Each structure stands twice: as C-alpha cells, then as structure tokens.
Amino acid sequence: MPSCETFKTTFDEYTAPDDMAKFLQEDYETDKLLAEINNLNSHFFFLMVARSGGLLKSKRRGCANRTGQTDFILAKKLD
C-alpha cells in the first residue's frame, strides 16, 4: 500500500520499530480507514506540487470518538 510505505519512509527514523509495526498493522486496516473516510467529522485535504505531496487530515472537535485531531503528513517525494 503506497500510503503505508510513504508514512514509514517519512517517520521511520523517528519511531521505535515495534511502535511503527503496531501502528502500520492497526491504523492501516481497511475497515478502520473506511470508517475514518466515511466519518462526517473527518476532513481530508491533499496537495500535490511537482512530485511532492502532502495530506492534512482534520477532525472537528466534539466528534464522538475524539476531542479533536489534526494530522499533517508531507512526503518529500512520491513515486
């Protein structure tokens, strides 16, 4: 899965191997990703500039499963 590889490449040097393996196994499950995409409180923004890309994921405060969260991932190069 390309997004899994991009995340690992970007954050691997800052994350303990066991933590990375657990995150990739649990947070990239198809059902979990689909639930997040279908959550009306989640918003996704994508940016592409040349061969670099970024993703901003934001959840509105007060949604049922979290008090609010924003994730920003910037990949240096997309292949």
Protein backbone atom coordinates (compact mmCIF):
# COMPACT_ATOMS: atom_id res chain seq x y z
CA MET A 1 0.00 0.00 0.00
CA PRO A 2 1.70 3.25 -1.15
CA SER A 3 0.39 5.40 1.73
CA CYS A 4 1.75 2.89 4.23
CA GLU A 5 5.16 2.98 2.54
CA THR A 6 5.14 6.80 2.43
CA PHE A 7 4.30 7.04 6.13
CA LYS A 8 7.01 4.52 7.05
CA THR A 9 9.62 6.27 4.91
CA THR A 10 8.73 9.66 6.38
CA PHE A 11 8.58 8.73 10.08
CA ASP A 12 10.62 5.52 10.43
CA GLU A 13 13.77 7.23 11.72
CA TYR A 14 11.74 8.95 14.49
CA THR A 15 9.75 5.90 15.63
CA ALA A 16 10.70 2.76 17.55
CA PRO A 17 10.46 -0.32 15.29
CA ASP A 18 7.82 -2.04 17.47
CA ASP A 19 5.70 1.13 17.57
CA MET A 20 5.92 1.54 13.79
CA ALA A 21 4.95 -2.09 13.15
CA LYS A 22 1.98 -1.84 15.54
CA PHE A 23 0.80 1.45 14.02
CA LEU A 24 1.02 0.19 10.44
CA GLN A 25 -0.80 -3.02 11.31
CA GLU A 26 -3.61 -1.40 13.34
CA ASP A 27 -4.12 2.00 11.72
CA TYR A 28 -3.96 0.87 8.11
CA GLU A 29 -6.63 -1.83 8.43
CA THR A 30 -9.13 -1.42 5.58
CA ASP A 31 -12.17 -1.27 7.87
CA LYS A 32 -10.57 1.38 10.08
CA LEU A 33 -9.56 3.52 7.08
CA LEU A 34 -13.04 3.27 5.54
CA ALA A 35 -14.69 4.24 8.84
CA GLU A 36 -12.43 7.28 9.06
CA ILE A 37 -13.13 8.32 5.46
CA ASN A 38 -16.88 7.90 5.97
CA ASN A 39 -16.90 9.85 9.26
CA LEU A 40 -18.70 13.15 8.58
CA ASN A 41 -16.48 14.83 11.20
CA SER A 42 -13.31 13.95 9.25
CA HIS A 43 -11.93 16.20 6.54
CA PHE A 44 -9.08 15.35 4.19
CA PHE A 45 -7.05 17.82 2.13
CA PHE A 46 -4.45 16.79 -0.44
CA LEU A 47 -1.73 18.89 -2.04
CA MET A 48 0.49 17.96 -4.95
CA VAL A 49 3.37 20.14 -6.12
CA ALA A 50 5.56 18.61 -8.82
CA ARG A 51 6.45 15.16 -7.41
CA SER A 52 5.91 16.06 -3.76
CA GLY A 53 2.64 15.64 -1.96
CA GLY A 54 1.02 16.27 1.35
CA LEU A 55 -2.05 15.20 3.29
CA LEU A 56 -3.89 17.08 6.01
CA LYS A 57 -6.47 15.12 7.99
CA SER A 58 -8.64 17.04 10.41
CA LYS A 59 -11.48 16.04 12.73
CA ARG A 60 -13.96 18.51 14.17
CA ARG A 61 -13.89 18.98 17.94
CA GLY A 62 -16.66 17.24 19.80
CA CYS A 63 -16.98 14.28 17.45
CA ALA A 64 -17.97 11.08 19.20
CA ASN A 65 -14.65 9.26 19.14
CA ARG A 66 -12.15 12.07 19.84
CA THR A 67 -11.99 15.60 21.18
CA GLY A 68 -10.24 16.82 18.04
CA GLN A 69 -7.28 15.79 15.98
CA THR A 70 -5.23 17.10 13.09
CA ASP A 71 -2.59 15.05 11.32
CA PHE A 72 -0.27 16.51 8.72
CA ILE A 73 1.94 14.34 6.58
CA LEU A 74 4.32 15.76 3.99
CA ALA A 75 6.08 13.34 1.74
CA LYS A 76 9.27 14.61 0.15
CA LYS A 77 8.85 12.53 -2.97
CA LEU A 78 6.09 10.38 -4.37
CA ASP A 79 6.89 7.56 -6.78
